[in-house]
Amino acid sequence: MRNSIFLATLLALEPIGAAAQDNAAARSLAATCANCHGTDGRSVTKEVPSLAALPKQQIVAQMRAFKDGSRSATVMHQLAKGFTDQQIELMADYFAARK
């Protein structure tokens, strides 16, 4: 019993970025970005920005701007509309945790 309480406490204290990095749902959502932004958010062209290691709030803000139409784009405004706020947060955590 003591071991399970200790383990639960350790898991509760784990940083969110590390949890998102290992979260299967976050990885799956992030994979939808790979065609344009590269594997793990590391773009291979200068025309498309890398997402890896960007601050979480920057990614969230840009995705929300695409979603609400306040930032113009060729396809991102349409893609962003397909994600919930929770999914955007998960993806942002995932990419922010990449180095």
PDB file of N, CA and C in Angstrom:
ATOM      1  N   MET A   1       0.818  -1.190   0.000  1.00  0.00           N
ATOM      2  CA  MET A   1       0.000   0.000   0.000  1.00  0.00           C
ATOM      3  C   MET A   1       0.869   1.265   0.000  1.00  0.00           C
ATOM      4  N   ARG A   2       1.918   1.273   0.842  1.00  0.00           N
ATOM      5  CA  ARG A   2       2.793   2.433   0.903  1.00  0.00           C
ATOM      6  C   ARG A   2       3.494   2.659  -0.428  1.00  0.00           C
ATOM      7  N   ASN A   3       3.900   1.574  -1.086  1.00  0.00           N
ATOM      8  CA  ASN A   3       4.565   1.702  -2.383  1.00  0.00           C
ATOM      9  C   ASN A   3       3.646   2.313  -3.421  1.00  0.00           C
ATOM     10  N   SER A   4       2.381   1.921  -3.420  1.00  0.00           N
ATOM     11  CA  SER A   4       1.458   2.466  -4.415  1.00  0.00           C
ATOM     12  C   SER A   4       1.169   3.938  -4.147  1.00  0.00           C
ATOM     13  N   ILE A   5       1.127   4.342  -2.889  1.00  0.00           N
ATOM     14  CA  ILE A   5       0.936   5.763  -2.570  1.00  0.00           C
ATOM     15  C   ILE A   5       2.163   6.555  -3.005  1.00  0.00           C
ATOM     16  N   PHE A   6       3.349   6.016  -2.749  1.00  0.00           N
ATOM     17  CA  PHE A   6       4.589   6.662  -3.165  1.00  0.00           C
ATOM     18  C   PHE A   6       4.634   6.814  -4.686  1.00  0.00           C
ATOM     19  N   LEU A   7       4.294   5.737  -5.399  1.00  0.00           N
ATOM     20  CA  LEU A   7       4.296   5.774  -6.860  1.00  0.00           C
ATOM     21  C   LEU A   7       3.279   6.784  -7.383  1.00  0.00           C
ATOM     22  N   ALA A   8       2.096   6.804  -6.786  1.00  0.00           N
ATOM     23  CA  ALA A   8       1.072   7.762  -7.211  1.00  0.00           C
ATOM     24  C   ALA A   8       1.542   9.196  -6.993  1.00  0.00           C
ATOM     25  N   THR A   9       2.223   9.437  -5.889  1.00  0.00           N
ATOM     26  CA  THR A   9       2.748  10.774  -5.608  1.00  0.00           C
ATOM     27  C   THR A   9       3.810  11.168  -6.626  1.00  0.00           C
ATOM     28  N   LEU A  10       4.705  10.242  -6.945  1.00  0.00           N
ATOM     29  CA  LEU A  10       5.735  10.533  -7.951  1.00  0.00           C
ATOM     30  C   LEU A  10       5.122  10.844  -9.304  1.00  0.00           C
ATOM     31  N   LEU A  11       4.133  10.058  -9.702  1.00  0.00           N
ATOM     32  CA  LEU A  11       3.491  10.288 -10.995  1.00  0.00           C
ATOM     33  C   LEU A  11       2.764  11.618 -11.028  1.00  0.00           C
ATOM     34  N   ALA A  12       2.177  12.002  -9.909  1.00  0.00           N
ATOM     35  CA  ALA A  12       1.458  13.279  -9.844  1.00  0.00           C
ATOM     36  C   ALA A  12       2.419  14.456  -9.960  1.00  0.00           C
ATOM     37  N   LEU A  13       3.651  14.256  -9.542  1.00  0.00           N
ATOM     38  CA  LEU A  13       4.635  15.336  -9.578  1.00  0.00           C
ATOM     39  C   LEU A  13       5.405  15.391 -10.889  1.00  0.00           C
ATOM     40  N   GLU A  14       5.189  14.445 -11.783  1.00  0.00           N
ATOM     41  CA  GLU A  14       5.905  14.411 -13.057  1.00  0.00           C
ATOM     42  C   GLU A  14       5.567  15.659 -13.867  1.00  0.00           C
ATOM     43  N   PRO A  15       6.551  16.307 -14.455  1.00  0.00           N
ATOM     44  CA  PRO A  15       6.274  17.506 -15.248  1.00  0.00           C
ATOM     45  C   PRO A  15       5.333  17.217 -16.410  1.00  0.00           C
ATOM     46  N   ILE A  16       4.461  18.173 -16.680  1.00  0.00           N
ATOM     47  CA  ILE A  16       3.488  18.001 -17.755  1.00  0.00           C
ATOM     48  C   ILE A  16       4.173  17.809 -19.100  1.00  0.00           C
ATOM     49  N   GLY A  17       5.235  18.527 -19.361  1.00  0.00           N
ATOM     50  CA  GLY A  17       5.942  18.387 -20.636  1.00  0.00           C
ATOM     51  C   GLY A  17       6.413  16.969 -20.856  1.00  0.00           C
ATOM     52  N   ALA A  18       6.956  16.344 -19.828  1.00  0.00           N
ATOM     53  CA  ALA A  18       7.420  14.957 -19.955  1.00  0.00           C
ATOM     54  C   ALA A  18       6.240  14.034 -20.178  1.00  0.00           C
ATOM     55  N   ALA A  19       5.128  14.296 -19.508  1.00  0.00           N
ATOM     56  CA  ALA A  19       3.943  13.461 -19.692  1.00  0.00           C
ATOM     57  C   ALA A  19       3.422  13.579 -21.117  1.00  0.00           C
ATOM     58  N   ALA A  20       3.403  14.788 -21.659  1.00  0.00           N
ATOM     59  CA  ALA A  20       2.924  14.980 -23.025  1.00  0.00           C
ATOM     60  C   ALA A  20       3.851  14.316 -24.023  1.00  0.00           C
ATOM     61  N   GLN A  21       5.138  14.321 -23.733  1.00  0.00           N
ATOM     62  CA  GLN A  21       6.113  13.716 -24.635  1.00  0.00           C
ATOM     63  C   GLN A  21       5.876  12.218 -24.755  1.00  0.00           C
ATOM     64  N   ASP A  22       5.426  11.584 -23.677  1.00  0.00           N
ATOM     65  CA  ASP A  22       5.203  10.147 -23.665  1.00  0.00           C
ATOM     66  C   ASP A  22       3.743   9.781 -23.868  1.00  0.00           C
ATOM     67  N   ASN A  23       2.873  10.743 -23.997  1.00  0.00           N
ATOM     68  CA  ASN A  23       1.450  10.519 -24.135  1.00  0.00           C
ATOM     69  C   ASN A  23       1.136  10.071 -25.568  1.00  0.00           C
ATOM     70  N   ALA A  24       0.514   8.899 -25.688  1.00  0.00           N
ATOM     71  CA  ALA A  24       0.212   8.352 -27.014  1.00  0.00           C
ATOM     72  C   ALA A  24      -0.746   9.263 -27.785  1.00  0.00           C
ATOM     73  N   ALA A  25      -1.706   9.849 -27.104  1.00  0.00           N
ATOM     74  CA  ALA A  25      -2.655  10.741 -27.778  1.00  0.00           C
ATOM     75  C   ALA A  25      -1.941  11.976 -28.305  1.00  0.00           C
ATOM     76  N   ALA A  26      -1.032  12.529 -27.507  1.00  0.00           N
ATOM     77  CA  ALA A  26      -0.278  13.711 -27.942  1.00  0.00           C
ATOM     78  C   ALA A  26       0.604  13.369 -29.133  1.00  0.00           C
ATOM     79  N   ARG A  27       1.265  12.220 -29.077  1.00  0.00           N
ATOM     80  CA  ARG A  27       2.114  11.782 -30.199  1.00  0.00           C
ATOM     81  C   ARG A  27       1.293  11.595 -31.462  1.00  0.00           C
ATOM     82  N   SER A  28       0.125  11.013 -31.318  1.00  0.00           N
ATOM     83  CA  SER A  28      -0.750  10.779 -32.466  1.00  0.00           C
ATOM     84  C   SER A  28      -1.220  12.097 -33.078  1.00  0.00           C
ATOM     85  N   LEU A  29      -1.613  13.036 -32.245  1.00  0.00           N
ATOM     86  CA  LEU A  29      -2.032  14.347 -32.747  1.00  0.00           C
ATOM     87  C   LEU A  29      -0.873  15.065 -33.422  1.00  0.00           C
ATOM     88  N   ALA A  30       0.295  15.009 -32.809  1.00  0.00           N
ATOM     89  CA  ALA A  30       1.480  15.675 -33.366  1.00  0.00           C
ATOM     90  C   ALA A  30       1.872  15.067 -34.706  1.00  0.00           C
ATOM     91  N   ALA A  31       1.608  13.793 -34.874  1.00  0.00           N
ATOM     92  CA  ALA A  31       1.950  13.124 -36.137  1.00  0.00           C
ATOM     93  C   ALA A  31       1.167  13.711 -37.304  1.00  0.00           C
ATOM     94  N   THR A  32       0.006  14.303 -37.034  1.00  0.00           N
ATOM     95  CA  THR A  32      -0.776  14.910 -38.113  1.00  0.00           C
ATOM     96  C   THR A  32      -0.085  16.142 -38.688  1.00  0.00           C
ATOM     97  N   CYS A  33       0.890  16.665 -37.974  1.00  0.00           N
ATOM     98  CA  CYS A  33       1.623  17.855 -38.418  1.00  0.00           C
ATOM     99  C   CYS A  33       2.870  17.501 -39.231  1.00  0.00           C
ATOM    100  N   ALA A  34       3.243  16.231 -39.234  1.00  0.00           N
ATOM    101  CA  ALA A  34       4.525  15.800 -39.808  1.00  0.00           C
ATOM    102  C   ALA A  34       4.655  16.063 -41.300  1.00  0.00           C
ATOM    103  N   ASN A  35       3.569  15.959 -42.058  1.00  0.00           N
ATOM    104  CA  ASN A  35       3.677  16.164 -43.506  1.00  0.00           C
ATOM    105  C   ASN A  35       4.259  17.528 -43.860  1.00  0.00           C
ATOM    106  N   CYS A  36       3.892  18.532 -43.109  1.00  0.00           N
ATOM    107  CA  CYS A  36       4.390  19.883 -43.407  1.00  0.00           C
ATOM    108  C   CYS A  36       5.515  20.323 -42.472  1.00  0.00           C
ATOM    109  N   HIS A  37       5.372  20.018 -41.179  1.00  0.00           N
ATOM    110  CA  HIS A  37       6.301  20.532 -40.178  1.00  0.00           C
ATOM    111  C   HIS A  37       7.416  19.552 -39.822  1.00  0.00           C
ATOM    112  N   GLY A  38       7.447  18.392 -40.476  1.00  0.00           N
ATOM    113  CA  GLY A  38       8.513  17.426 -40.260  1.00  0.00           C
ATOM    114  C   GLY A  38       8.273  16.505 -39.075  1.00  0.00           C
ATOM    115  N   THR A  39       9.013  15.417 -39.063  1.00  0.00           N
ATOM    116  CA  THR A  39       8.919  14.444 -37.978  1.00  0.00           C
ATOM    117  C   THR A  39       9.273  15.121 -36.665  1.00  0.00           C
ATOM    118  N   ASP A  40       8.445  14.924 -35.665  1.00  0.00           N
ATOM    119  CA  ASP A  40       8.626  15.532 -34.345  1.00  0.00           C
ATOM    120  C   ASP A  40       8.703  17.055 -34.409  1.00  0.00           C
ATOM    121  N   GLY A  41       8.114  17.644 -35.454  1.00  0.00           N
ATOM    122  CA  GLY A  41       8.070  19.093 -35.551  1.00  0.00           C
ATOM    123  C   GLY A  41       9.351  19.745 -36.016  1.00  0.00           C
ATOM    124  N   ARG A  42      10.218  18.960 -36.628  1.00  0.00           N
ATOM    125  CA  ARG A  42      11.494  19.491 -37.135  1.00  0.00           C
ATOM    126  C   ARG A  42      11.395  19.661 -38.649  1.00  0.00           C
ATOM    127  N   SER A  43      11.052  20.848 -39.072  1.00  0.00           N
ATOM    128  CA  SER A  43      10.850  21.133 -40.488  1.00  0.00           C
ATOM    129  C   SER A  43      12.165  21.039 -41.255  1.00  0.00           C
ATOM    130  N   VAL A  44      12.056  20.634 -42.504  1.00  0.00           N
ATOM    131  CA  VAL A  44      13.247  20.534 -43.353  1.00  0.00           C
ATOM    132  C   VAL A  44      13.304  21.665 -44.377  1.00  0.00           C
ATOM    133  N   THR A  45      12.348  22.565 -44.349  1.00  0.00           N
ATOM    134  CA  THR A  45      12.356  23.713 -45.256  1.00  0.00           C
ATOM    135  C   THR A  45      12.233  25.001 -44.453  1.00  0.00           C
ATOM    136  N   LYS A  46      12.733  26.078 -45.017  1.00  0.00           N
ATOM    137  CA  LYS A  46      12.629  27.361 -44.316  1.00  0.00           C
ATOM    138  C   LYS A  46      11.235  27.985 -44.470  1.00  0.00           C
ATOM    139  N   GLU A  47      10.478  27.527 -45.450  1.00  0.00           N
ATOM    140  CA  GLU A  47       9.140  28.083 -45.674  1.00  0.00           C
ATOM    141  C   GLU A  47       8.133  27.651 -44.608  1.00  0.00           C
ATOM    142  N   VAL A  48       8.359  26.477 -44.034  1.00  0.00           N
ATOM    143  CA  VAL A  48       7.457  25.946 -43.010  1.00  0.00           C
ATOM    144  C   VAL A  48       8.223  25.925 -41.691  1.00  0.00           C
ATOM    145  N   PRO A  49       7.718  26.613 -40.682  1.00  0.00           N
ATOM    146  CA  PRO A  49       8.465  26.681 -39.421  1.00  0.00           C
ATOM    147  C   PRO A  49       8.496  25.353 -38.670  1.00  0.00           C
ATOM    148  N   SER A  50       9.592  25.129 -37.960  1.00  0.00           N
ATOM    149  CA  SER A  50       9.674  23.991 -37.051  1.00  0.00           C
ATOM    150  C   SER A  50       8.832  24.291 -35.830  1.00  0.00           C
ATOM    151  N   LEU A  51       8.217  23.261 -35.291  1.00  0.00           N
ATOM    152  CA  LEU A  51       7.415  23.400 -34.082  1.00  0.00           C
ATOM    153  C   LEU A  51       8.171  22.909 -32.854  1.00  0.00           C
ATOM    154  N   ALA A  52       9.153  22.059 -33.063  1.00  0.00           N
ATOM    155  CA  ALA A  52       9.919  21.486 -31.955  1.00  0.00           C
ATOM    156  C   ALA A  52      10.567  22.580 -31.124  1.00  0.00           C
ATOM    157  N   ALA A  53      10.401  22.482 -29.824  1.00  0.00           N
ATOM    158  CA  ALA A  53      11.011  23.359 -28.828  1.00  0.00           C
ATOM    159  C   ALA A  53      10.439  24.782 -28.794  1.00  0.00           C
ATOM    160  N   LEU A  54       9.390  25.060 -29.571  1.00  0.00           N
ATOM    161  CA  LEU A  54       8.749  26.370 -29.430  1.00  0.00           C
ATOM    162  C   LEU A  54       8.036  26.416 -28.085  1.00  0.00           C
ATOM    163  N   PRO A  55       7.921  27.582 -27.488  1.00  0.00           N
ATOM    164  CA  PRO A  55       7.178  27.680 -26.227  1.00  0.00           C
ATOM    165  C   PRO A  55       5.717  27.254 -26.421  1.00  0.00           C
ATOM    166  N   LYS A  56       5.206  26.531 -25.449  1.00  0.00           N
ATOM    167  CA  LYS A  56       3.832  26.022 -25.525  1.00  0.00           C
ATOM    168  C   LYS A  56       2.833  27.143 -25.833  1.00  0.00           C
ATOM    169  N   GLN A  57       2.930  28.251 -25.108  1.00  0.00           N
ATOM    170  CA  GLN A  57       1.948  29.318 -25.288  1.00  0.00           C
ATOM    171  C   GLN A  57       2.018  29.946 -26.679  1.00  0.00           C
ATOM    172  N   GLN A  58       3.180  29.937 -27.292  1.00  0.00           N
ATOM    173  CA  GLN A  58       3.303  30.449 -28.661  1.00  0.00           C
ATOM    174  C   GLN A  58       2.539  29.540 -29.626  1.00  0.00           C
ATOM    175  N   ILE A  59       2.686  28.243 -29.459  1.00  0.00           N
ATOM    176  CA  ILE A  59       1.983  27.289 -30.323  1.00  0.00           C
ATOM    177  C   ILE A  59       0.476  27.410 -30.119  1.00  0.00           C
ATOM    178  N   VAL A  60       0.051  27.466 -28.865  1.00  0.00           N
ATOM    179  CA  VAL A  60      -1.382  27.583 -28.565  1.00  0.00           C
ATOM    180  C   VAL A  60      -1.943  28.865 -29.167  1.00  0.00           C
ATOM    181  N   ALA A  61      -1.250  29.968 -28.980  1.00  0.00           N
ATOM    182  CA  ALA A  61      -1.727  31.254 -29.501  1.00  0.00           C
ATOM    183  C   ALA A  61      -1.849  31.237 -31.021  1.00  0.00           C
ATOM    184  N   GLN A  62      -0.859  30.662 -31.705  1.00  0.00           N
ATOM    185  CA  GLN A  62      -0.905  30.605 -33.163  1.00  0.00           C
ATOM    186  C   GLN A  62      -2.038  29.707 -33.648  1.00  0.00           C
ATOM    187  N   MET A  63      -2.196  28.552 -32.995  1.00  0.00           N
ATOM    188  CA  MET A  63      -3.281  27.637 -33.388  1.00  0.00           C
ATOM    189  C   MET A  63      -4.651  28.279 -33.171  1.00  0.00           C
ATOM    190  N   ARG A  64      -4.806  28.991 -32.069  1.00  0.00           N
ATOM    191  CA  ARG A  64      -6.090  29.670 -31.822  1.00  0.00           C
ATOM    192  C   ARG A  64      -6.326  30.779 -32.837  1.00  0.00           C
ATOM    193  N   ALA A  65      -5.256  31.471 -33.227  1.00  0.00           N
ATOM    194  CA  ALA A  65      -5.387  32.529 -34.237  1.00  0.00           C
ATOM    195  C   ALA A  65      -5.772  31.938 -35.595  1.00  0.00           C
ATOM    196  N   PHE A  66      -5.194  30.799 -35.939  1.00  0.00           N
ATOM    197  CA  PHE A  66      -5.609  30.116 -37.173  1.00  0.00           C
ATOM    198  C   PHE A  66      -7.072  29.695 -37.063  1.00  0.00           C
ATOM    199  N   LYS A  67      -7.415  29.133 -35.922  1.00  0.00           N
ATOM    200  CA  LYS A  67      -8.761  28.592 -35.716  1.00  0.00           C
ATOM    201  C   LYS A  67      -9.845  29.668 -35.795  1.00  0.00           C
ATOM    202  N   ASP A  68      -9.569  30.847 -35.183  1.00  0.00           N
ATOM    203  CA  ASP A  68     -10.590  31.897 -35.202  1.00  0.00           C
ATOM    204  C   ASP A  68     -10.485  32.821 -36.417  1.00  0.00           C
ATOM    205  N   GLY A  69      -9.488  32.567 -37.279  1.00  0.00           N
ATOM    206  CA  GLY A  69      -9.367  33.321 -38.523  1.00  0.00           C
ATOM    207  C   GLY A  69      -8.605  34.626 -38.400  1.00  0.00           C
ATOM    208  N   SER A  70      -8.073  34.942 -37.212  1.00  0.00           N
ATOM    209  CA  SER A  70      -7.347  36.201 -37.064  1.00  0.00           C
ATOM    210  C   SER A  70      -5.934  36.135 -37.654  1.00  0.00           C
ATOM    211  N   ARG A  71      -5.458  34.934 -37.974  1.00  0.00           N
ATOM    212  CA  ARG A  71      -4.192  34.788 -38.692  1.00  0.00           C
ATOM    213  C   ARG A  71      -4.488  34.072 -40.004  1.00  0.00           C
ATOM    214  N   SER A  72      -4.075  34.673 -41.092  1.00  0.00           N
ATOM    215  CA  SER A  72      -4.337  34.067 -42.396  1.00  0.00           C
ATOM    216  C   SER A  72      -3.339  32.953 -42.674  1.00  0.00           C
ATOM    217  N   ALA A  73      -3.756  32.045 -43.533  1.00  0.00           N
ATOM    218  CA  ALA A  73      -2.907  30.908 -43.886  1.00  0.00           C
ATOM    219  C   ALA A  73      -3.450  30.263 -45.147  1.00  0.00           C
ATOM    220  N   THR A  74      -2.654  29.387 -45.713  1.00  0.00           N
ATOM    221  CA  THR A  74      -3.127  28.656 -46.892  1.00  0.00           C
ATOM    222  C   THR A  74      -4.026  27.494 -46.470  1.00  0.00           C
ATOM    223  N   VAL A  75      -3.577  26.679 -45.524  1.00  0.00           N
ATOM    224  CA  VAL A  75      -4.392  25.538 -45.074  1.00  0.00           C
ATOM    225  C   VAL A  75      -4.552  25.466 -43.560  1.00  0.00           C
ATOM    226  N   MET A  76      -3.682  26.128 -42.807  1.00  0.00           N
ATOM    227  CA  MET A  76      -3.713  25.984 -41.348  1.00  0.00           C
ATOM    228  C   MET A  76      -5.030  26.432 -40.724  1.00  0.00           C
ATOM    229  N   HIS A  77      -5.665  27.441 -41.276  1.00  0.00           N
ATOM    230  CA  HIS A  77      -6.927  27.888 -40.693  1.00  0.00           C
ATOM    231  C   HIS A  77      -7.992  26.793 -40.793  1.00  0.00           C
ATOM    232  N   GLN A  78      -7.957  26.014 -41.861  1.00  0.00           N
ATOM    233  CA  GLN A  78      -8.909  24.902 -41.996  1.00  0.00           C
ATOM    234  C   GLN A  78      -8.530  23.739 -41.081  1.00  0.00           C
ATOM    235  N   LEU A  79      -7.251  23.430 -41.010  1.00  0.00           N
ATOM    236  CA  LEU A  79      -6.802  22.326 -40.153  1.00  0.00           C
ATOM    237  C   LEU A  79      -7.054  22.631 -38.683  1.00  0.00           C
ATOM    238  N   ALA A  80      -6.769  23.841 -38.260  1.00  0.00           N
ATOM    239  CA  ALA A  80      -6.914  24.207 -36.851  1.00  0.00           C
ATOM    240  C   ALA A  80      -8.354  24.091 -36.369  1.00  0.00           C
ATOM    241  N   LYS A  81      -9.303  24.339 -37.261  1.00  0.00           N
ATOM    242  CA  LYS A  81     -10.715  24.234 -36.884  1.00  0.00           C
ATOM    243  C   LYS A  81     -11.103  22.821 -36.482  1.00  0.00           C
ATOM    244  N   GLY A  82     -10.327  21.829 -36.916  1.00  0.00           N
ATOM    245  CA  GLY A  82     -10.629  20.440 -36.597  1.00  0.00           C
ATOM    246  C   GLY A  82     -10.144  19.980 -35.239  1.00  0.00           C
ATOM    247  N   PHE A  83      -9.412  20.835 -34.516  1.00  0.00           N
ATOM    248  CA  PHE A  83      -8.869  20.456 -33.217  1.00  0.00           C
ATOM    249  C   PHE A  83      -9.608  21.162 -32.086  1.00  0.00           C
ATOM    250  N   THR A  84      -9.846  20.430 -31.007  1.00  0.00           N
ATOM    251  CA  THR A  84     -10.422  21.042 -29.806  1.00  0.00           C
ATOM    252  C   THR A  84      -9.317  21.804 -29.079  1.00  0.00           C
ATOM    253  N   ASP A  85      -9.709  22.641 -28.132  1.00  0.00           N
ATOM    254  CA  ASP A  85      -8.715  23.369 -27.326  1.00  0.00           C
ATOM    255  C   ASP A  85      -7.834  22.384 -26.557  1.00  0.00           C
ATOM    256  N   GLN A  86      -8.419  21.314 -26.057  1.00  0.00           N
ATOM    257  CA  GLN A  86      -7.650  20.309 -25.321  1.00  0.00           C
ATOM    258  C   GLN A  86      -6.622  19.645 -26.237  1.00  0.00           C
ATOM    259  N   GLN A  87      -7.005  19.343 -27.468  1.00  0.00           N
ATOM    260  CA  GLN A  87      -6.065  18.735 -28.410  1.00  0.00           C
ATOM    261  C   GLN A  87      -4.933  19.699 -28.759  1.00  0.00           C
ATOM    262  N   ILE A  88      -5.251  20.957 -28.915  1.00  0.00           N
ATOM    263  CA  ILE A  88      -4.227  21.969 -29.194  1.00  0.00           C
ATOM    264  C   ILE A  88      -3.245  22.047 -28.026  1.00  0.00           C
ATOM    265  N   GLU A  89      -3.749  22.022 -26.815  1.00  0.00           N
ATOM    266  CA  GLU A  89      -2.887  22.049 -25.628  1.00  0.00           C
ATOM    267  C   GLU A  89      -1.967  20.826 -25.600  1.00  0.00           C
ATOM    268  N   LEU A  90      -2.515  19.647 -25.913  1.00  0.00           N
ATOM    269  CA  LEU A  90      -1.699  18.426 -25.935  1.00  0.00           C
ATOM    270  C   LEU A  90      -0.583  18.517 -26.967  1.00  0.00           C
ATOM    271  N   MET A  91      -0.927  18.960 -28.175  1.00  0.00           N
ATOM    272  CA  MET A  91       0.089  19.103 -29.222  1.00  0.00           C
ATOM    273  C   MET A  91       1.148  20.127 -28.816  1.00  0.00           C
ATOM    274  N   ALA A  92       0.711  21.234 -28.245  1.00  0.00           N
ATOM    275  CA  ALA A  92       1.650  22.276 -27.836  1.00  0.00           C
ATOM    276  C   ALA A  92       2.596  21.764 -26.752  1.00  0.00           C
ATOM    277  N   ASP A  93       2.062  20.996 -25.806  1.00  0.00           N
ATOM    278  CA  ASP A  93       2.910  20.378 -24.778  1.00  0.00           C
ATOM    279  C   ASP A  93       3.932  19.450 -25.422  1.00  0.00           C
ATOM    280  N   TYR A  94       3.469  18.658 -26.362  1.00  0.00           N
ATOM    281  CA  TYR A  94       4.336  17.692 -27.021  1.00  0.00           C
ATOM    282  C   TYR A  94       5.484  18.400 -27.757  1.00  0.00           C
ATOM    283  N   PHE A  95       5.145  19.371 -28.583  1.00  0.00           N
ATOM    284  CA  PHE A  95       6.185  20.054 -29.366  1.00  0.00           C
ATOM    285  C   PHE A  95       7.114  20.886 -28.473  1.00  0.00           C
ATOM    286  N   ALA A  96       6.571  21.508 -27.448  1.00  0.00           N
ATOM    287  CA  ALA A  96       7.400  22.308 -26.548  1.00  0.00           C
ATOM    288  C   ALA A  96       8.428  21.441 -25.820  1.00  0.00           C
ATOM    289  N   ALA A  97       8.093  20.175 -25.593  1.00  0.00           N
ATOM    290  CA  ALA A  97       8.991  19.261 -24.891  1.00  0.00           C
ATOM    291  C   ALA A  97      10.082  18.688 -25.796  1.00  0.00           C
ATOM    292  N   ARG A  98       9.946  18.875 -27.106  1.00  0.00           N
ATOM    293  CA  ARG A  98      10.966  18.376 -28.050  1.00  0.00           C
ATOM    294  C   ARG A  98      12.163  19.309 -28.010  1.00  0.00           C
ATOM    295  N   LYS A  99      13.345  18.762 -28.107  1.00  0.00           N
ATOM    296  CA  LYS A  99      14.559  19.588 -28.096  1.00  0.00           C
ATOM    297  C   LYS A  99      15.234  19.557 -29.435  1.00  0.00           C
TER     298      LYS A  99
END
